[in-house]
PDB file of N, CA and C in Angstrom:
ATOM      1  N   UNK A   1      13.795 -61.425 -47.523  1.00  0.00           N
ATOM      2  CA  UNK A   1      13.040 -62.426 -46.809  1.00  0.00           C
ATOM      3  C   UNK A   1      11.559 -62.283 -47.154  1.00  0.00           C
ATOM      4  N   UNK A   2      10.892 -63.410 -47.207  1.00  0.00           N
ATOM      5  CA  UNK A   2       9.486 -63.432 -47.617  1.00  0.00           C
ATOM      6  C   UNK A   2       8.582 -62.909 -46.511  1.00  0.00           C
ATOM      7  N   UNK A   3       7.486 -62.304 -46.905  1.00  0.00           N
ATOM      8  CA  UNK A   3       6.507 -61.779 -45.951  1.00  0.00           C
ATOM      9  C   UNK A   3       5.385 -62.771 -45.674  1.00  0.00           C
ATOM     10  N   UNK A   4       5.364 -63.915 -46.370  1.00  0.00           N
ATOM     11  CA  UNK A   4       4.284 -64.872 -46.195  1.00  0.00           C
ATOM     12  C   UNK A   4       4.689 -65.981 -45.227  1.00  0.00           C
ATOM     13  N   UNK A   5       3.688 -66.560 -44.596  1.00  0.00           N
ATOM     14  CA  UNK A   5       3.891 -67.665 -43.660  1.00  0.00           C
ATOM     15  C   UNK A   5       2.990 -68.815 -44.082  1.00  0.00           C
ATOM     16  N   UNK A   6       3.545 -70.022 -44.077  1.00  0.00           N
ATOM     17  CA  UNK A   6       2.761 -71.211 -44.387  1.00  0.00           C
ATOM     18  C   UNK A   6       2.204 -71.752 -43.074  1.00  0.00           C
ATOM     19  N   UNK A   7       0.894 -71.912 -43.012  1.00  0.00           N
ATOM     20  CA  UNK A   7       0.228 -72.369 -41.793  1.00  0.00           C
ATOM     21  C   UNK A   7      -0.204 -73.825 -41.930  1.00  0.00           C
ATOM     22  N   UNK A   8      -0.701 -74.382 -40.829  1.00  0.00           N
ATOM     23  CA  UNK A   8      -1.249 -75.747 -40.865  1.00  0.00           C
ATOM     24  C   UNK A   8      -2.376 -75.831 -41.889  1.00  0.00           C
ATOM     25  N   UNK A   9      -3.207 -74.813 -41.911  1.00  0.00           N
ATOM     26  CA  UNK A   9      -4.328 -74.801 -42.868  1.00  0.00           C
ATOM     27  C   UNK A   9      -3.809 -74.832 -44.308  1.00  0.00           C
ATOM     28  N   UNK A  10      -2.740 -74.093 -44.580  1.00  0.00           N
ATOM     29  CA  UNK A  10      -2.148 -74.095 -45.925  1.00  0.00           C
ATOM     30  C   UNK A  10      -1.614 -75.479 -46.284  1.00  0.00           C
ATOM     31  N   UNK A  11      -0.956 -76.129 -45.336  1.00  0.00           N
ATOM     32  CA  UNK A  11      -0.417 -77.465 -45.585  1.00  0.00           C
ATOM     33  C   UNK A  11      -1.549 -78.475 -45.799  1.00  0.00           C
ATOM     34  N   UNK A  12      -2.589 -78.383 -44.989  1.00  0.00           N
ATOM     35  CA  UNK A  12      -3.736 -79.285 -45.141  1.00  0.00           C
ATOM     36  C   UNK A  12      -4.399 -79.073 -46.501  1.00  0.00           C
ATOM     37  N   UNK A  13      -4.501 -77.831 -46.931  1.00  0.00           N
ATOM     38  CA  UNK A  13      -5.090 -77.520 -48.239  1.00  0.00           C
ATOM     39  C   UNK A  13      -4.224 -78.096 -49.363  1.00  0.00           C
ATOM     40  N   UNK A  14      -2.906 -78.024 -49.210  1.00  0.00           N
ATOM     41  CA  UNK A  14      -2.001 -78.589 -50.214  1.00  0.00           C
ATOM     42  C   UNK A  14      -2.166 -80.105 -50.292  1.00  0.00           C
ATOM     43  N   UNK A  15      -2.311 -80.763 -49.147  1.00  0.00           N
ATOM     44  CA  UNK A  15      -2.552 -82.209 -49.145  1.00  0.00           C
ATOM     45  C   UNK A  15      -3.883 -82.501 -49.840  1.00  0.00           C
ATOM     46  N   UNK A  16      -4.886 -81.720 -49.543  1.00  0.00           N
ATOM     47  CA  UNK A  16      -6.206 -81.876 -50.175  1.00  0.00           C
ATOM     48  C   UNK A  16      -6.090 -81.768 -51.698  1.00  0.00           C
ATOM     49  N   UNK A  17      -5.358 -80.764 -52.173  1.00  0.00           N
ATOM     50  CA  UNK A  17      -5.217 -80.530 -53.616  1.00  0.00           C
ATOM     51  C   UNK A  17      -4.416 -81.641 -54.301  1.00  0.00           C
ATOM     52  N   UNK A  18      -3.321 -82.079 -53.664  1.00  0.00           N
ATOM     53  CA  UNK A  18      -2.408 -83.037 -54.290  1.00  0.00           C
ATOM     54  C   UNK A  18      -2.868 -84.488 -54.175  1.00  0.00           C
ATOM     55  N   UNK A  19      -3.381 -84.873 -53.006  1.00  0.00           N
ATOM     56  CA  UNK A  19      -3.690 -86.279 -52.744  1.00  0.00           C
ATOM     57  C   UNK A  19      -5.131 -86.608 -53.083  1.00  0.00           C
ATOM     58  N   UNK A  20      -6.026 -85.667 -52.898  1.00  0.00           N
ATOM     59  CA  UNK A  20      -7.414 -85.908 -53.228  1.00  0.00           C
ATOM     60  C   UNK A  20      -8.246 -86.426 -52.069  1.00  0.00           C
ATOM     61  N   UNK A  21      -7.690 -86.399 -50.864  1.00  0.00           N
ATOM     62  CA  UNK A  21      -8.492 -86.740 -49.690  1.00  0.00           C
ATOM     63  C   UNK A  21      -9.463 -85.599 -49.426  1.00  0.00           C
ATOM     64  N   UNK A  22     -10.448 -85.850 -48.576  1.00  0.00           N
ATOM     65  CA  UNK A  22     -11.344 -84.753 -48.207  1.00  0.00           C
ATOM     66  C   UNK A  22     -10.559 -83.745 -47.368  1.00  0.00           C
ATOM     67  N   UNK A  23     -11.119 -82.557 -47.213  1.00  0.00           N
ATOM     68  CA  UNK A  23     -10.429 -81.535 -46.420  1.00  0.00           C
ATOM     69  C   UNK A  23     -10.221 -82.007 -44.977  1.00  0.00           C
ATOM     70  N   UNK A  24     -11.243 -82.658 -44.392  1.00  0.00           N
ATOM     71  CA  UNK A  24     -11.117 -83.157 -43.026  1.00  0.00           C
ATOM     72  C   UNK A  24     -10.064 -84.247 -42.928  1.00  0.00           C
ATOM     73  N   UNK A  25     -10.065 -85.169 -43.891  1.00  0.00           N
ATOM     74  CA  UNK A  25      -9.059 -86.239 -43.891  1.00  0.00           C
ATOM     75  C   UNK A  25      -7.659 -85.667 -44.081  1.00  0.00           C
ATOM     76  N   UNK A  26      -7.518 -84.650 -44.915  1.00  0.00           N
ATOM     77  CA  UNK A  26      -6.220 -84.008 -45.143  1.00  0.00           C
ATOM     78  C   UNK A  26      -5.724 -83.344 -43.868  1.00  0.00           C
ATOM     79  N   UNK A  27      -6.609 -82.643 -43.173  1.00  0.00           N
ATOM     80  CA  UNK A  27      -6.227 -81.982 -41.922  1.00  0.00           C
ATOM     81  C   UNK A  27      -5.840 -83.014 -40.870  1.00  0.00           C
ATOM     82  N   UNK A  28      -6.590 -84.117 -40.802  1.00  0.00           N
ATOM     83  CA  UNK A  28      -6.293 -85.176 -39.839  1.00  0.00           C
ATOM     84  C   UNK A  28      -4.959 -85.845 -40.151  1.00  0.00           C
ATOM     85  N   UNK A  29      -4.674 -86.078 -41.425  1.00  0.00           N
ATOM     86  CA  UNK A  29      -3.395 -86.658 -41.834  1.00  0.00           C
ATOM     87  C   UNK A  29      -2.238 -85.762 -41.413  1.00  0.00           C
ATOM     88  N   UNK A  30      -2.383 -84.475 -41.673  1.00  0.00           N
ATOM     89  CA  UNK A  30      -1.345 -83.518 -41.286  1.00  0.00           C
ATOM     90  C   UNK A  30      -1.135 -83.531 -39.776  1.00  0.00           C
ATOM     91  N   UNK A  31      -2.216 -83.518 -39.006  1.00  0.00           N
ATOM     92  CA  UNK A  31      -2.115 -83.548 -37.541  1.00  0.00           C
ATOM     93  C   UNK A  31      -1.416 -84.817 -37.062  1.00  0.00           C
ATOM     94  N   UNK A  32      -1.718 -85.943 -37.689  1.00  0.00           N
ATOM     95  CA  UNK A  32      -1.098 -87.213 -37.313  1.00  0.00           C
ATOM     96  C   UNK A  32       0.402 -87.175 -37.562  1.00  0.00           C
ATOM     97  N   UNK A  33       0.807 -86.651 -38.704  1.00  0.00           N
ATOM     98  CA  UNK A  33       2.234 -86.552 -39.031  1.00  0.00           C
ATOM     99  C   UNK A  33       2.938 -85.615 -38.045  1.00  0.00           C
ATOM    100  N   UNK A  34       2.362 -84.463 -37.789  1.00  0.00           N
ATOM    101  CA  UNK A  34       2.985 -83.513 -36.861  1.00  0.00           C
ATOM    102  C   UNK A  34       3.047 -84.069 -35.443  1.00  0.00           C
ATOM    103  N   UNK A  35       1.999 -84.785 -35.021  1.00  0.00           N
ATOM    104  CA  UNK A  35       2.006 -85.410 -33.694  1.00  0.00           C
ATOM    105  C   UNK A  35       3.093 -86.461 -33.588  1.00  0.00           C
ATOM    106  N   UNK A  36       3.277 -87.240 -34.631  1.00  0.00           N
ATOM    107  CA  UNK A  36       4.308 -88.283 -34.608  1.00  0.00           C
ATOM    108  C   UNK A  36       5.702 -87.667 -34.558  1.00  0.00           C
ATOM    109  N   UNK A  37       5.927 -86.605 -35.310  1.00  0.00           N
ATOM    110  CA  UNK A  37       7.221 -85.906 -35.267  1.00  0.00           C
ATOM    111  C   UNK A  37       7.450 -85.351 -33.871  1.00  0.00           C
ATOM    112  N   UNK A  38       6.444 -84.704 -33.296  1.00  0.00           N
ATOM    113  CA  UNK A  38       6.565 -84.136 -31.945  1.00  0.00           C
ATOM    114  C   UNK A  38       6.854 -85.220 -30.913  1.00  0.00           C
ATOM    115  N   UNK A  39       6.136 -86.331 -30.995  1.00  0.00           N
ATOM    116  CA  UNK A  39       6.328 -87.424 -30.042  1.00  0.00           C
ATOM    117  C   UNK A  39       7.740 -87.994 -30.131  1.00  0.00           C
ATOM    118  N   UNK A  40       8.248 -88.156 -31.341  1.00  0.00           N
ATOM    119  CA  UNK A  40       9.604 -88.678 -31.519  1.00  0.00           C
ATOM    120  C   UNK A  40      10.636 -87.724 -30.910  1.00  0.00           C
ATOM    121  N   UNK A  41      10.443 -86.435 -31.112  1.00  0.00           N
ATOM    122  CA  UNK A  41      11.379 -85.450 -30.554  1.00  0.00           C
ATOM    123  C   UNK A  41      11.314 -85.433 -29.031  1.00  0.00           C
ATOM    124  N   UNK A  42      10.125 -85.591 -28.464  1.00  0.00           N
ATOM    125  CA  UNK A  42       9.971 -85.645 -27.013  1.00  0.00           C
ATOM    126  C   UNK A  42      10.722 -86.854 -26.452  1.00  0.00           C
ATOM    127  N   UNK A  43      10.759 -87.958 -27.225  1.00  0.00           N
ATOM    128  CA  UNK A  43      11.482 -89.159 -26.805  1.00  0.00           C
ATOM    129  C   UNK A  43      12.975 -89.054 -27.098  1.00  0.00           C
ATOM    130  N   UNK A  44      13.449 -87.872 -27.479  1.00  0.00           N
ATOM    131  CA  UNK A  44      14.860 -87.620 -27.821  1.00  0.00           C
ATOM    132  C   UNK A  44      15.330 -88.421 -29.034  1.00  0.00           C
ATOM    133  N   UNK A  45      14.421 -88.701 -29.954  1.00  0.00           N
ATOM    134  CA  UNK A  45      14.790 -89.373 -31.188  1.00  0.00           C
ATOM    135  C   UNK A  45      15.061 -88.327 -32.262  1.00  0.00           C
ATOM    136  N   UNK A  46      15.882 -88.696 -33.232  1.00  0.00           N
ATOM    137  CA  UNK A  46      16.155 -87.824 -34.365  1.00  0.00           C
ATOM    138  C   UNK A  46      15.127 -88.131 -35.446  1.00  0.00           C
ATOM    139  N   UNK A  47      14.535 -87.101 -36.036  1.00  0.00           N
ATOM    140  CA  UNK A  47      13.561 -87.268 -37.113  1.00  0.00           C
ATOM    141  C   UNK A  47      14.239 -86.848 -38.421  1.00  0.00           C
ATOM    142  N   UNK A  48      14.431 -87.832 -39.313  1.00  0.00           N
ATOM    143  CA  UNK A  48      15.061 -87.558 -40.608  1.00  0.00           C
ATOM    144  C   UNK A  48      14.022 -87.704 -41.696  1.00  0.00           C
ATOM    145  N   UNK A  49      13.889 -86.660 -42.498  1.00  0.00           N
ATOM    146  CA  UNK A  49      12.962 -86.671 -43.625  1.00  0.00           C
ATOM    147  C   UNK A  49      13.813 -86.537 -44.884  1.00  0.00           C
ATOM    148  N   UNK A  50      13.832 -87.594 -45.670  1.00  0.00           N
ATOM    149  CA  UNK A  50      14.675 -87.653 -46.856  1.00  0.00           C
ATOM    150  C   UNK A  50      14.442 -86.450 -47.767  1.00  0.00           C
ATOM    151  N   UNK A  51      15.513 -85.883 -48.280  1.00  0.00           N
ATOM    152  CA  UNK A  51      15.509 -84.732 -49.191  1.00  0.00           C
ATOM    153  C   UNK A  51      14.961 -83.457 -48.551  1.00  0.00           C
ATOM    154  N   UNK A  52      14.756 -83.479 -47.243  1.00  0.00           N
ATOM    155  CA  UNK A  52      14.275 -82.285 -46.547  1.00  0.00           C
ATOM    156  C   UNK A  52      15.245 -81.876 -45.445  1.00  0.00           C
ATOM    157  N   UNK A  53      15.434 -82.747 -44.458  1.00  0.00           N
ATOM    158  CA  UNK A  53      16.361 -82.432 -43.385  1.00  0.00           C
ATOM    159  C   UNK A  53      16.092 -83.280 -42.165  1.00  0.00           C
ATOM    160  N   UNK A  54      16.774 -82.949 -41.070  1.00  0.00           N
ATOM    161  CA  UNK A  54      16.580 -83.710 -39.841  1.00  0.00           C
ATOM    162  C   UNK A  54      16.343 -82.761 -38.671  1.00  0.00           C
ATOM    163  N   UNK A  55      15.487 -83.218 -37.769  1.00  0.00           N
ATOM    164  CA  UNK A  55      15.170 -82.500 -36.544  1.00  0.00           C
ATOM    165  C   UNK A  55      15.757 -83.300 -35.389  1.00  0.00           C
ATOM    166  N   UNK A  56      16.351 -82.616 -34.425  1.00  0.00           N
ATOM    167  CA  UNK A  56      16.852 -83.293 -33.236  1.00  0.00           C
ATOM    168  C   UNK A  56      16.745 -82.341 -32.049  1.00  0.00           C
ATOM    169  N   UNK A  57      16.850 -82.928 -30.861  1.00  0.00           N
ATOM    170  CA  UNK A  57      16.814 -82.147 -29.634  1.00  0.00           C
ATOM    171  C   UNK A  57      18.221 -82.184 -29.043  1.00  0.00           C
ATOM    172  N   UNK A  58      18.742 -81.026 -28.698  1.00  0.00           N
ATOM    173  CA  UNK A  58      20.078 -80.931 -28.127  1.00  0.00           C
ATOM    174  C   UNK A  58      19.966 -80.369 -26.721  1.00  0.00           C
ATOM    175  N   UNK A  59      20.724 -80.952 -25.811  1.00  0.00           N
ATOM    176  CA  UNK A  59      20.739 -80.456 -24.437  1.00  0.00           C
ATOM    177  C   UNK A  59      21.847 -79.433 -24.284  1.00  0.00           C
ATOM    178  N   UNK A  60      21.496 -78.289 -23.740  1.00  0.00           N
ATOM    179  CA  UNK A  60      22.490 -77.247 -23.476  1.00  0.00           C
ATOM    180  C   UNK A  60      22.715 -77.189 -21.970  1.00  0.00           C
ATOM    181  N   UNK A  61      23.952 -77.160 -21.583  1.00  0.00           N
ATOM    182  CA  UNK A  61      24.281 -77.129 -20.167  1.00  0.00           C
ATOM    183  C   UNK A  61      24.104 -75.754 -19.559  1.00  0.00           C
ATOM    184  N   UNK A  62      24.230 -75.713 -18.243  1.00  0.00           N
ATOM    185  CA  UNK A  62      24.141 -74.437 -17.543  1.00  0.00           C
ATOM    186  C   UNK A  62      25.379 -73.611 -17.878  1.00  0.00           C
ATOM    187  N   UNK A  63      25.192 -72.316 -17.971  1.00  0.00           N
ATOM    188  CA  UNK A  63      26.321 -71.413 -18.237  1.00  0.00           C
ATOM    189  C   UNK A  63      26.046 -70.073 -17.598  1.00  0.00           C
ATOM    190  N   UNK A  64      27.056 -69.255 -17.592  1.00  0.00           N
ATOM    191  CA  UNK A  64      26.925 -67.917 -17.024  1.00  0.00           C
ATOM    192  C   UNK A  64      26.729 -66.932 -18.168  1.00  0.00           C
ATOM    193  N   UNK A  65      25.668 -66.154 -18.073  1.00  0.00           N
ATOM    194  CA  UNK A  65      25.396 -65.107 -19.046  1.00  0.00           C
ATOM    195  C   UNK A  65      25.569 -63.755 -18.392  1.00  0.00           C
ATOM    196  N   UNK A  66      25.358 -62.717 -19.154  1.00  0.00           N
ATOM    197  CA  UNK A  66      25.534 -61.371 -18.628  1.00  0.00           C
ATOM    198  C   UNK A  66      24.343 -60.516 -19.041  1.00  0.00           C
ATOM    199  N   UNK A  67      23.749 -59.821 -18.083  1.00  0.00           N
ATOM    200  CA  UNK A  67      22.679 -58.886 -18.376  1.00  0.00           C
ATOM    201  C   UNK A  67      23.303 -57.716 -19.140  1.00  0.00           C
ATOM    202  N   UNK A  68      22.913 -57.493 -20.392  1.00  0.00           N
ATOM    203  CA  UNK A  68      23.554 -56.440 -21.188  1.00  0.00           C
ATOM    204  C   UNK A  68      23.313 -55.035 -20.646  1.00  0.00           C
ATOM    205  N   UNK A  69      22.223 -54.859 -19.917  1.00  0.00           N
ATOM    206  CA  UNK A  69      21.895 -53.531 -19.401  1.00  0.00           C
ATOM    207  C   UNK A  69      22.743 -53.184 -18.179  1.00  0.00           C
ATOM    208  N   UNK A  70      22.872 -54.154 -17.262  1.00  0.00           N
ATOM    209  CA  UNK A  70      23.568 -53.874 -15.999  1.00  0.00           C
ATOM    210  C   UNK A  70      24.966 -54.468 -15.947  1.00  0.00           C
ATOM    211  N   UNK A  71      25.262 -55.429 -16.830  1.00  0.00           N
ATOM    212  CA  UNK A  71      26.555 -56.091 -16.788  1.00  0.00           C
ATOM    213  C   UNK A  71      26.632 -57.176 -15.718  1.00  0.00           C
ATOM    214  N   UNK A  72      25.542 -57.382 -14.999  1.00  0.00           N
ATOM    215  CA  UNK A  72      25.508 -58.372 -13.925  1.00  0.00           C
ATOM    216  C   UNK A  72      25.538 -59.787 -14.510  1.00  0.00           C
ATOM    217  N   UNK A  73      26.346 -60.677 -13.883  1.00  0.00           N
ATOM    218  CA  UNK A  73      26.389 -62.067 -14.313  1.00  0.00           C
ATOM    219  C   UNK A  73      25.141 -62.791 -13.829  1.00  0.00           C
ATOM    220  N   UNK A  74      24.547 -63.581 -14.720  1.00  0.00           N
ATOM    221  CA  UNK A  74      23.311 -64.292 -14.414  1.00  0.00           C
ATOM    222  C   UNK A  74      23.466 -65.736 -14.895  1.00  0.00           C
ATOM    223  N   UNK A  75      23.121 -66.722 -14.055  1.00  0.00           N
ATOM    224  CA  UNK A  75      23.203 -68.107 -14.531  1.00  0.00           C
ATOM    225  C   UNK A  75      22.066 -68.408 -15.517  1.00  0.00           C
ATOM    226  N   UNK A  76      22.422 -69.080 -16.603  1.00  0.00           N
ATOM    227  CA  UNK A  76      21.437 -69.520 -17.576  1.00  0.00           C
ATOM    228  C   UNK A  76      21.243 -71.011 -17.329  1.00  0.00           C
ATOM    229  N   UNK A  77      20.020 -71.401 -17.013  1.00  0.00           N
ATOM    230  CA  UNK A  77      19.724 -72.775 -16.625  1.00  0.00           C
ATOM    231  C   UNK A  77      19.869 -73.740 -17.800  1.00  0.00           C
ATOM    232  N   UNK A  78      20.166 -75.017 -17.517  1.00  0.00           N
ATOM    233  CA  UNK A  78      20.236 -76.003 -18.605  1.00  0.00           C
ATOM    234  C   UNK A  78      18.867 -76.161 -19.259  1.00  0.00           C
ATOM    235  N   UNK A  79      18.874 -76.432 -20.544  1.00  0.00           N
ATOM    236  CA  UNK A  79      17.615 -76.573 -21.273  1.00  0.00           C
ATOM    237  C   UNK A  79      17.840 -77.407 -22.524  1.00  0.00           C
ATOM    238  N   UNK A  80      16.752 -77.777 -23.158  1.00  0.00           N
ATOM    239  CA  UNK A  80      16.805 -78.505 -24.423  1.00  0.00           C
ATOM    240  C   UNK A  80      16.357 -77.560 -25.529  1.00  0.00           C
ATOM    241  N   UNK A  81      17.020 -77.664 -26.669  1.00  0.00           N
ATOM    242  CA  UNK A  81      16.659 -76.830 -27.815  1.00  0.00           C
ATOM    243  C   UNK A  81      16.420 -77.717 -29.036  1.00  0.00           C
ATOM    244  N   UNK A  82      15.519 -77.291 -29.888  1.00  0.00           N
ATOM    245  CA  UNK A  82      15.220 -77.998 -31.121  1.00  0.00           C
ATOM    246  C   UNK A  82      16.187 -77.531 -32.202  1.00  0.00           C
ATOM    247  N   UNK A  83      16.776 -78.487 -32.916  1.00  0.00           N
ATOM    248  CA  UNK A  83      17.737 -78.169 -33.962  1.00  0.00           C
ATOM    249  C   UNK A  83      17.230 -78.746 -35.281  1.00  0.00           C
ATOM    250  N   UNK A  84      17.268 -77.948 -36.332  1.00  0.00           N
ATOM    251  CA  UNK A  84      16.924 -78.422 -37.677  1.00  0.00           C
ATOM    252  C   UNK A  84      18.145 -78.288 -38.560  1.00  0.00           C
ATOM    253  N   UNK A  85      18.506 -79.371 -39.237  1.00  0.00           N
ATOM    254  CA  UNK A  85      19.605 -79.343 -40.185  1.00  0.00           C
ATOM    255  C   UNK A  85      19.041 -79.692 -41.566  1.00  0.00           C
ATOM    256  N   UNK A  86      19.054 -78.727 -42.482  1.00  0.00           N
ATOM    257  CA  UNK A  86      18.505 -79.000 -43.814  1.00  0.00           C
ATOM    258  C   UNK A  86      19.403 -79.963 -44.589  1.00  0.00           C
ATOM    259  N   UNK A  87      18.797 -80.754 -45.482  1.00  0.00           N
ATOM    260  CA  UNK A  87      19.562 -81.671 -46.325  1.00  0.00           C
ATOM    261  C   UNK A  87      20.242 -80.881 -47.437  1.00  0.00           C
ATOM    262  N   UNK A  88      21.201 -81.525 -48.074  1.00  0.00           N
ATOM    263  CA  UNK A  88      21.897 -80.887 -49.211  1.00  0.00           C
ATOM    264  C   UNK A  88      20.906 -80.621 -50.333  1.00  0.00           C
ATOM    265  N   UNK A  89      19.922 -81.511 -50.509  1.00  0.00           N
ATOM    266  CA  UNK A  89      18.926 -81.327 -51.567  1.00  0.00           C
ATOM    267  C   UNK A  89      18.121 -80.049 -51.309  1.00  0.00           C
ATOM    268  N   UNK A  90      17.676 -79.855 -50.071  1.00  0.00           N
ATOM    269  CA  UNK A  90      16.901 -78.667 -49.730  1.00  0.00           C
ATOM    270  C   UNK A  90      17.760 -77.415 -49.876  1.00  0.00           C
ATOM    271  N   UNK A  91      19.002 -77.470 -49.414  1.00  0.00           N
ATOM    272  CA  UNK A  91      19.899 -76.315 -49.560  1.00  0.00           C
ATOM    273  C   UNK A  91      20.079 -75.942 -51.032  1.00  0.00           C
ATOM    274  N   UNK A  92      20.244 -76.960 -51.864  1.00  0.00           N
ATOM    275  CA  UNK A  92      20.428 -76.707 -53.305  1.00  0.00           C
ATOM    276  C   UNK A  92      19.185 -76.077 -53.921  1.00  0.00           C
ATOM    277  N   UNK A  93      18.009 -76.564 -53.518  1.00  0.00           N
ATOM    278  CA  UNK A  93      16.753 -76.008 -54.063  1.00  0.00           C
ATOM    279  C   UNK A  93      16.553 -74.566 -53.618  1.00  0.00           C
ATOM    280  N   UNK A  94      16.921 -74.252 -52.380  1.00  0.00           N
ATOM    281  CA  UNK A  94      16.768 -72.882 -51.883  1.00  0.00           C
ATOM    282  C   UNK A  94      17.721 -71.935 -52.592  1.00  0.00           C
ATOM    283  N   UNK A  95      18.946 -72.391 -52.842  1.00  0.00           N
ATOM    284  CA  UNK A  95      19.959 -71.527 -53.431  1.00  0.00           C
ATOM    285  C   UNK A  95      19.914 -71.495 -54.955  1.00  0.00           C
ATOM    286  N   UNK A  96      19.040 -72.295 -55.575  1.00  0.00           N
ATOM    287  CA  UNK A  96      18.972 -72.335 -57.045  1.00  0.00           C
ATOM    288  C   UNK A  96      18.242 -71.114 -57.580  1.00  0.00           C
TER     289      UNK A  96
END
């Protein structure tokens, strides 16, 4: 596994290098895209990015869990989780 992490600043710099916008415009473009993805997910919409993958929100129901230390049963409250499913193209590029 890689030790490096790609940050917002790294993505904004990549947009700056590839597209030729100013650094501020590149950062603003990135923020706009990320805000739109976040807003769509909050509205329970699926976000599909061609050749990359899809993001969706899944609702998990309440269930009974177990405290591993004490063995005591504990209810786990219902919640929403973010799910990412990579496209076949992305899977192929990673495994190549």
